[in-house]
Amino acid sequence: MFYVYFLRSINNPQKTYIGYTTNLQQRLDTHNSGGSVHTSVDRPWRLVVTIAFDTQEKAKNFEKYIKVGSGAAFAKKRFW
C-alpha cells in the first residue's frame, strides 16, 4: 500500500506536515527521531489522518493535490 499522511506537531500545534510513504510506522518514527530536515524542529509529531492507495501514482497525485490550491483548502476544512 501507498500512504498519504497528515501530521501535527504536539508541541507546536499550528505546525502541520503532509507526506507520502510506503511504510507509515517507519516514516513516523523518522519524523519523531529528527531524521527529516523538514520536521525535526517541531517534533514530536502525531498522526492526524492516513489515506491508503493501491498505486504509487494515485498516492503521489493526491499528495501533490492536497498541498496546493483547492486541495489545501479541502485539507484545512476537513482534516485540520
PDB file of N, CA and C in Angstrom:
ATOM      1  N   MET A   1       0.841  -1.184   0.000  1.00  0.00           N
ATOM      2  CA  MET A   1       0.000   0.000   0.000  1.00  0.00           C
ATOM      3  C   MET A   1       0.883   1.242   0.000  1.00  0.00           C
ATOM      4  N   PHE A   2       0.277   2.342  -0.434  1.00  0.00           N
ATOM      5  CA  PHE A   2       0.947   3.636  -0.520  1.00  0.00           C
ATOM      6  C   PHE A   2       0.102   4.632   0.277  1.00  0.00           C
ATOM      7  N   TYR A   3       0.748   5.381   1.166  1.00  0.00           N
ATOM      8  CA  TYR A   3       0.021   6.213   2.117  1.00  0.00           C
ATOM      9  C   TYR A   3       0.351   7.693   1.969  1.00  0.00           C
ATOM     10  N   VAL A   4      -0.683   8.517   2.075  1.00  0.00           N
ATOM     11  CA  VAL A   4      -0.520   9.944   2.271  1.00  0.00           C
ATOM     12  C   VAL A   4      -0.923  10.182   3.718  1.00  0.00           C
ATOM     13  N   TYR A   5      -0.068  10.873   4.457  1.00  0.00           N
ATOM     14  CA  TYR A   5      -0.310  11.037   5.883  1.00  0.00           C
ATOM     15  C   TYR A   5      -0.231  12.515   6.272  1.00  0.00           C
ATOM     16  N   PHE A   6      -0.965  12.852   7.311  1.00  0.00           N
ATOM     17  CA  PHE A   6      -1.053  14.214   7.823  1.00  0.00           C
ATOM     18  C   PHE A   6      -0.562  14.196   9.268  1.00  0.00           C
ATOM     19  N   LEU A   7       0.406  15.037   9.567  1.00  0.00           N
ATOM     20  CA  LEU A   7       0.956  15.119  10.913  1.00  0.00           C
ATOM     21  C   LEU A   7       0.698  16.494  11.519  1.00  0.00           C
ATOM     22  N   ARG A   8       0.587  16.532  12.838  1.00  0.00           N
ATOM     23  CA  ARG A   8       0.501  17.793  13.575  1.00  0.00           C
ATOM     24  C   ARG A   8       1.535  17.731  14.699  1.00  0.00           C
ATOM     25  N   SER A   9       2.254  18.822  14.884  1.00  0.00           N
ATOM     26  CA  SER A   9       3.235  18.902  15.958  1.00  0.00           C
ATOM     27  C   SER A   9       2.520  18.917  17.311  1.00  0.00           C
ATOM     28  N   ILE A  10       2.990  18.120  18.238  1.00  0.00           N
ATOM     29  CA  ILE A  10       2.405  18.078  19.581  1.00  0.00           C
ATOM     30  C   ILE A  10       2.778  19.345  20.358  1.00  0.00           C
ATOM     31  N   ASN A  11       4.019  19.792  20.234  1.00  0.00           N
ATOM     32  CA  ASN A  11       4.479  20.964  20.979  1.00  0.00           C
ATOM     33  C   ASN A  11       4.131  22.282  20.310  1.00  0.00           C
ATOM     34  N   ASN A  12       3.855  22.248  19.027  1.00  0.00           N
ATOM     35  CA  ASN A  12       3.593  23.454  18.249  1.00  0.00           C
ATOM     36  C   ASN A  12       2.407  23.163  17.317  1.00  0.00           C
ATOM     37  N   PRO A  13       1.180  23.069  17.852  1.00  0.00           N
ATOM     38  CA  PRO A  13       0.025  22.557  17.113  1.00  0.00           C
ATOM     39  C   PRO A  13      -0.339  23.285  15.817  1.00  0.00           C
ATOM     40  N   GLN A  14       0.131  24.508  15.630  1.00  0.00           N
ATOM     41  CA  GLN A  14      -0.159  25.181  14.366  1.00  0.00           C
ATOM     42  C   GLN A  14       0.722  24.663  13.224  1.00  0.00           C
ATOM     43  N   LYS A  15       1.743  23.892  13.554  1.00  0.00           N
ATOM     44  CA  LYS A  15       2.625  23.308  12.540  1.00  0.00           C
ATOM     45  C   LYS A  15       2.069  21.961  12.089  1.00  0.00           C
ATOM     46  N   THR A  16       1.945  21.816  10.782  1.00  0.00           N
ATOM     47  CA  THR A  16       1.443  20.573  10.198  1.00  0.00           C
ATOM     48  C   THR A  16       2.372  20.132   9.073  1.00  0.00           C
ATOM     49  N   TYR A  17       2.233  18.885   8.699  1.00  0.00           N
ATOM     50  CA  TYR A  17       3.063  18.330   7.635  1.00  0.00           C
ATOM     51  C   TYR A  17       2.263  17.258   6.912  1.00  0.00           C
ATOM     52  N   ILE A  18       2.392  17.232   5.594  1.00  0.00           N
ATOM     53  CA  ILE A  18       1.749  16.204   4.762  1.00  0.00           C
ATOM     54  C   ILE A  18       2.844  15.495   3.987  1.00  0.00           C
ATOM     55  N   GLY A  19       2.799  14.167   3.985  1.00  0.00           N
ATOM     56  CA  GLY A  19       3.820  13.403   3.288  1.00  0.00           C
ATOM     57  C   GLY A  19       3.264  12.140   2.658  1.00  0.00           C
ATOM     58  N   TYR A  20       4.156  11.415   2.010  1.00  0.00           N
ATOM     59  CA  TYR A  20       3.839  10.177   1.302  1.00  0.00           C
ATOM     60  C   TYR A  20       4.835   9.110   1.739  1.00  0.00           C
ATOM     61  N   THR A  21       4.375   7.874   1.893  1.00  0.00           N
ATOM     62  CA  THR A  21       5.270   6.781   2.272  1.00  0.00           C
ATOM     63  C   THR A  21       4.659   5.430   1.922  1.00  0.00           C
ATOM     64  N   THR A  22       5.493   4.414   1.968  1.00  0.00           N
ATOM     65  CA  THR A  22       5.012   3.036   1.839  1.00  0.00           C
ATOM     66  C   THR A  22       5.069   2.314   3.184  1.00  0.00           C
ATOM     67  N   ASN A  23       5.762   2.913   4.164  1.00  0.00           N
ATOM     68  CA  ASN A  23       5.884   2.313   5.492  1.00  0.00           C
ATOM     69  C   ASN A  23       5.552   3.393   6.526  1.00  0.00           C
ATOM     70  N   LEU A  24       4.325   3.445   6.927  1.00  0.00           N
ATOM     71  CA  LEU A  24       3.822   4.526   7.771  1.00  0.00           C
ATOM     72  C   LEU A  24       4.519   4.587   9.133  1.00  0.00           C
ATOM     73  N   GLN A  25       4.638   3.472   9.826  1.00  0.00           N
ATOM     74  CA  GLN A  25       5.255   3.491  11.161  1.00  0.00           C
ATOM     75  C   GLN A  25       6.717   3.915  11.085  1.00  0.00           C
ATOM     76  N   GLN A  26       7.439   3.398  10.121  1.00  0.00           N
ATOM     77  CA  GLN A  26       8.844   3.773   9.978  1.00  0.00           C
ATOM     78  C   GLN A  26       8.980   5.263   9.675  1.00  0.00           C
ATOM     79  N   ARG A  27       8.102   5.794   8.836  1.00  0.00           N
ATOM     80  CA  ARG A  27       8.167   7.210   8.479  1.00  0.00           C
ATOM     81  C   ARG A  27       7.837   8.097   9.682  1.00  0.00           C
ATOM     82  N   LEU A  28       6.838   7.728  10.463  1.00  0.00           N
ATOM     83  CA  LEU A  28       6.506   8.485  11.667  1.00  0.00           C
ATOM     84  C   LEU A  28       7.673   8.451  12.657  1.00  0.00           C
ATOM     85  N   ASP A  29       8.291   7.302  12.803  1.00  0.00           N
ATOM     86  CA  ASP A  29       9.465   7.186  13.673  1.00  0.00           C
ATOM     87  C   ASP A  29      10.592   8.101  13.190  1.00  0.00           C
ATOM     88  N   THR A  30      10.787   8.175  11.881  1.00  0.00           N
ATOM     89  CA  THR A  30      11.816   9.058  11.312  1.00  0.00           C
ATOM     90  C   THR A  30      11.523  10.514  11.645  1.00  0.00           C
ATOM     91  N   HIS A  31      10.277  10.935  11.470  1.00  0.00           N
ATOM     92  CA  HIS A  31       9.907  12.313  11.807  1.00  0.00           C
ATOM     93  C   HIS A  31      10.145  12.591  13.290  1.00  0.00           C
ATOM     94  N   ASN A  32       9.762  11.669  14.149  1.00  0.00           N
ATOM     95  CA  ASN A  32       9.863  11.893  15.586  1.00  0.00           C
ATOM     96  C   ASN A  32      11.278  11.743  16.144  1.00  0.00           C
ATOM     97  N   SER A  33      12.162  11.128  15.395  1.00  0.00           N
ATOM     98  CA  SER A  33      13.551  10.995  15.856  1.00  0.00           C
ATOM     99  C   SER A  33      14.437  12.108  15.315  1.00  0.00           C
ATOM    100  N   GLY A  34      13.871  12.991  14.490  1.00  0.00           N
ATOM    101  CA  GLY A  34      14.649  14.093  13.925  1.00  0.00           C
ATOM    102  C   GLY A  34      15.327  13.743  12.625  1.00  0.00           C
ATOM    103  N   GLY A  35      14.945  12.635  12.020  1.00  0.00           N
ATOM    104  CA  GLY A  35      15.572  12.180  10.791  1.00  0.00           C
ATOM    105  C   GLY A  35      15.101  12.871   9.525  1.00  0.00           C
ATOM    106  N   SER A  36      14.159  13.778   9.651  1.00  0.00           N
ATOM    107  CA  SER A  36      13.669  14.536   8.487  1.00  0.00           C
ATOM    108  C   SER A  36      13.987  16.012   8.692  1.00  0.00           C
ATOM    109  N   VAL A  37      14.698  16.608   7.760  1.00  0.00           N
ATOM    110  CA  VAL A  37      15.070  18.018   7.834  1.00  0.00           C
ATOM    111  C   VAL A  37      13.841  18.912   7.965  1.00  0.00           C
ATOM    112  N   HIS A  38      12.759  18.560   7.288  1.00  0.00           N
ATOM    113  CA  HIS A  38      11.572  19.413   7.243  1.00  0.00           C
ATOM    114  C   HIS A  38      10.752  19.397   8.528  1.00  0.00           C
ATOM    115  N   THR A  39      10.929  18.392   9.369  1.00  0.00           N
ATOM    116  CA  THR A  39      10.086  18.279  10.562  1.00  0.00           C
ATOM    117  C   THR A  39      10.854  18.186  11.872  1.00  0.00           C
ATOM    118  N   SER A  40      12.162  18.199  11.831  1.00  0.00           N
ATOM    119  CA  SER A  40      12.942  17.951  13.051  1.00  0.00           C
ATOM    120  C   SER A  40      12.752  19.031  14.115  1.00  0.00           C
ATOM    121  N   VAL A  41      12.537  20.267  13.738  1.00  0.00           N
ATOM    122  CA  VAL A  41      12.419  21.362  14.703  1.00  0.00           C
ATOM    123  C   VAL A  41      11.150  21.254  15.545  1.00  0.00           C
ATOM    124  N   ASP A  42      10.069  20.783  14.967  1.00  0.00           N
ATOM    125  CA  ASP A  42       8.767  20.805  15.639  1.00  0.00           C
ATOM    126  C   ASP A  42       8.324  19.456  16.199  1.00  0.00           C
ATOM    127  N   ARG A  43       9.229  18.540  16.408  1.00  0.00           N
ATOM    128  CA  ARG A  43       8.850  17.238  16.950  1.00  0.00           C
ATOM    129  C   ARG A  43       8.570  17.314  18.428  1.00  0.00           C
ATOM    130  N   PRO A  44       7.833  16.410  18.964  1.00  0.00           N
ATOM    131  CA  PRO A  44       7.279  15.206  18.343  1.00  0.00           C
ATOM    132  C   PRO A  44       6.007  15.506  17.542  1.00  0.00           C
ATOM    133  N   TRP A  45       5.689  14.565  16.676  1.00  0.00           N
ATOM    134  CA  TRP A  45       4.532  14.658  15.790  1.00  0.00           C
ATOM    135  C   TRP A  45       3.525  13.576  16.125  1.00  0.00           C
ATOM    136  N   ARG A  46       2.260  13.895  15.861  1.00  0.00           N
ATOM    137  CA  ARG A  46       1.216  12.867  15.994  1.00  0.00           C
ATOM    138  C   ARG A  46       0.517  12.727  14.653  1.00  0.00           C
ATOM    139  N   LEU A  47       0.101  11.534  14.375  1.00  0.00           N
ATOM    140  CA  LEU A  47      -0.604  11.230  13.142  1.00  0.00           C
ATOM    141  C   LEU A  47      -2.047  11.693  13.260  1.00  0.00           C
ATOM    142  N   VAL A  48      -2.519  12.469  12.279  1.00  0.00           N
ATOM    143  CA  VAL A  48      -3.880  13.000  12.288  1.00  0.00           C
ATOM    144  C   VAL A  48      -4.757  12.221  11.312  1.00  0.00           C
ATOM    145  N   VAL A  49      -4.259  12.020  10.100  1.00  0.00           N
ATOM    146  CA  VAL A  49      -5.023  11.337   9.048  1.00  0.00           C
ATOM    147  C   VAL A  49      -4.065  10.489   8.226  1.00  0.00           C
ATOM    148  N   THR A  50      -4.526   9.319   7.831  1.00  0.00           N
ATOM    149  CA  THR A  50      -3.796   8.471   6.885  1.00  0.00           C
ATOM    150  C   THR A  50      -4.769   8.025   5.816  1.00  0.00           C
ATOM    151  N   ILE A  51      -4.366   8.153   4.572  1.00  0.00           N
ATOM    152  CA  ILE A  51      -5.191   7.688   3.454  1.00  0.00           C
ATOM    153  C   ILE A  51      -4.348   6.711   2.654  1.00  0.00           C
ATOM    154  N   ALA A  52      -4.877   5.510   2.453  1.00  0.00           N
ATOM    155  CA  ALA A  52      -4.158   4.453   1.744  1.00  0.00           C
ATOM    156  C   ALA A  52      -4.617   4.380   0.290  1.00  0.00           C
ATOM    157  N   PHE A  53      -3.667   4.135  -0.598  1.00  0.00           N
ATOM    158  CA  PHE A  53      -3.929   3.992  -2.030  1.00  0.00           C
ATOM    159  C   PHE A  53      -3.324   2.684  -2.515  1.00  0.00           C
ATOM    160  N   ASP A  54      -3.913   2.157  -3.554  1.00  0.00           N
ATOM    161  CA  ASP A  54      -3.412   0.885  -4.085  1.00  0.00           C
ATOM    162  C   ASP A  54      -2.290   1.060  -5.097  1.00  0.00           C
ATOM    163  N   THR A  55      -2.072   2.281  -5.587  1.00  0.00           N
ATOM    164  CA  THR A  55      -0.962   2.517  -6.506  1.00  0.00           C
ATOM    165  C   THR A  55      -0.157   3.728  -6.058  1.00  0.00           C
ATOM    166  N   GLN A  56       1.114   3.700  -6.385  1.00  0.00           N
ATOM    167  CA  GLN A  56       2.003   4.805  -6.065  1.00  0.00           C
ATOM    168  C   GLN A  56       1.568   6.079  -6.789  1.00  0.00           C
ATOM    169  N   GLU A  57       1.145   5.951  -8.011  1.00  0.00           N
ATOM    170  CA  GLU A  57       0.724   7.112  -8.799  1.00  0.00           C
ATOM    171  C   GLU A  57      -0.450   7.847  -8.131  1.00  0.00           C
ATOM    172  N   LYS A  58      -1.439   7.094  -7.680  1.00  0.00           N
ATOM    173  CA  LYS A  58      -2.590   7.717  -7.009  1.00  0.00           C
ATOM    174  C   LYS A  58      -2.163   8.446  -5.741  1.00  0.00           C
ATOM    175  N   ALA A  59      -1.302   7.829  -4.957  1.00  0.00           N
ATOM    176  CA  ALA A  59      -0.857   8.439  -3.708  1.00  0.00           C
ATOM    177  C   ALA A  59      -0.060   9.719  -3.970  1.00  0.00           C
ATOM    178  N   LYS A  60       0.863   9.665  -4.902  1.00  0.00           N
ATOM    179  CA  LYS A  60       1.671  10.852  -5.203  1.00  0.00           C
ATOM    180  C   LYS A  60       0.818  11.970  -5.787  1.00  0.00           C
ATOM    181  N   ASN A  61      -0.121  11.629  -6.633  1.00  0.00           N
ATOM    182  CA  ASN A  61      -1.009  12.648  -7.202  1.00  0.00           C
ATOM    183  C   ASN A  61      -1.874  13.291  -6.120  1.00  0.00           C
ATOM    184  N   PHE A  62      -2.370  12.490  -5.178  1.00  0.00           N
ATOM    185  CA  PHE A  62      -3.178  13.040  -4.096  1.00  0.00           C
ATOM    186  C   PHE A  62      -2.330  13.922  -3.187  1.00  0.00           C
ATOM    187  N   GLU A  63      -1.124  13.488  -2.875  1.00  0.00           N
ATOM    188  CA  GLU A  63      -0.233  14.304  -2.041  1.00  0.00           C
ATOM    189  C   GLU A  63       0.020  15.655  -2.700  1.00  0.00           C
ATOM    190  N   LYS A  64       0.300  15.637  -3.980  1.00  0.00           N
ATOM    191  CA  LYS A  64       0.535  16.883  -4.716  1.00  0.00           C
ATOM    192  C   LYS A  64      -0.708  17.769  -4.691  1.00  0.00           C
ATOM    193  N   TYR A  65      -1.872  17.190  -4.915  1.00  0.00           N
ATOM    194  CA  TYR A  65      -3.132  17.933  -4.916  1.00  0.00           C
ATOM    195  C   TYR A  65      -3.417  18.564  -3.553  1.00  0.00           C
ATOM    196  N   ILE A  66      -3.216  17.816  -2.499  1.00  0.00           N
ATOM    197  CA  ILE A  66      -3.620  18.254  -1.166  1.00  0.00           C
ATOM    198  C   ILE A  66      -2.697  19.349  -0.618  1.00  0.00           C
ATOM    199  N   LYS A  67      -1.551  19.550  -1.233  1.00  0.00           N
ATOM    200  CA  LYS A  67      -0.604  20.552  -0.749  1.00  0.00           C
ATOM    201  C   LYS A  67      -0.809  21.939  -1.356  1.00  0.00           C
ATOM    202  N   VAL A  68      -1.630  22.065  -2.394  1.00  0.00           N
ATOM    203  CA  VAL A  68      -1.788  23.371  -3.061  1.00  0.00           C
ATOM    204  C   VAL A  68      -3.239  23.662  -3.413  1.00  0.00           C
ATOM    205  N   GLY A  69      -3.545  24.929  -3.580  1.00  0.00           N
ATOM    206  CA  GLY A  69      -4.823  25.380  -4.106  1.00  0.00           C
ATOM    207  C   GLY A  69      -6.044  24.811  -3.423  1.00  0.00           C
ATOM    208  N   SER A  70      -6.972  24.322  -4.242  1.00  0.00           N
ATOM    209  CA  SER A  70      -8.238  23.819  -3.708  1.00  0.00           C
ATOM    210  C   SER A  70      -8.031  22.585  -2.834  1.00  0.00           C
ATOM    211  N   GLY A  71      -7.005  21.804  -3.101  1.00  0.00           N
ATOM    212  CA  GLY A  71      -6.706  20.647  -2.263  1.00  0.00           C
ATOM    213  C   GLY A  71      -6.278  21.062  -0.864  1.00  0.00           C
ATOM    214  N   ALA A  72      -5.481  22.124  -0.774  1.00  0.00           N
ATOM    215  CA  ALA A  72      -5.057  22.634   0.527  1.00  0.00           C
ATOM    216  C   ALA A  72      -6.251  23.188   1.295  1.00  0.00           C
ATOM    217  N   ALA A  73      -7.153  23.857   0.598  1.00  0.00           N
ATOM    218  CA  ALA A  73      -8.367  24.379   1.241  1.00  0.00           C
ATOM    219  C   ALA A  73      -9.234  23.231   1.744  1.00  0.00           C
ATOM    220  N   PHE A  74      -9.361  22.175   0.953  1.00  0.00           N
ATOM    221  CA  PHE A  74     -10.107  20.990   1.358  1.00  0.00           C
ATOM    222  C   PHE A  74      -9.495  20.380   2.624  1.00  0.00           C
ATOM    223  N   ALA A  75      -8.168  20.220   2.630  1.00  0.00           N
ATOM    224  CA  ALA A  75      -7.486  19.630   3.783  1.00  0.00           C
ATOM    225  C   ALA A  75      -7.693  20.482   5.031  1.00  0.00           C
ATOM    226  N   LYS A  76      -7.583  21.786   4.872  1.00  0.00           N
ATOM    227  CA  LYS A  76      -7.764  22.689   6.021  1.00  0.00           C
ATOM    228  C   LYS A  76      -9.167  22.569   6.610  1.00  0.00           C
ATOM    229  N   LYS A  77     -10.149  22.456   5.757  1.00  0.00           N
ATOM    230  CA  LYS A  77     -11.531  22.379   6.216  1.00  0.00           C
ATOM    231  C   LYS A  77     -11.883  21.010   6.804  1.00  0.00           C
ATOM    232  N   ARG A  78     -11.380  19.941   6.211  1.00  0.00           N
ATOM    233  CA  ARG A  78     -11.805  18.593   6.582  1.00  0.00           C
ATOM    234  C   ARG A  78     -10.879  17.840   7.527  1.00  0.00           C
ATOM    235  N   PHE A  79      -9.590  18.140   7.500  1.00  0.00           N
ATOM    236  CA  PHE A  79      -8.639  17.340   8.270  1.00  0.00           C
ATOM    237  C   PHE A  79      -7.985  18.071   9.430  1.00  0.00           C
ATOM    238  N   TRP A  80      -7.803  19.351   9.335  1.00  0.00           N
ATOM    239  CA  TRP A  80      -7.096  20.066  10.401  1.00  0.00           C
ATOM    240  C   TRP A  80      -8.102  20.647  11.347  1.00  0.00           C
TER     241      TRP A  80
END
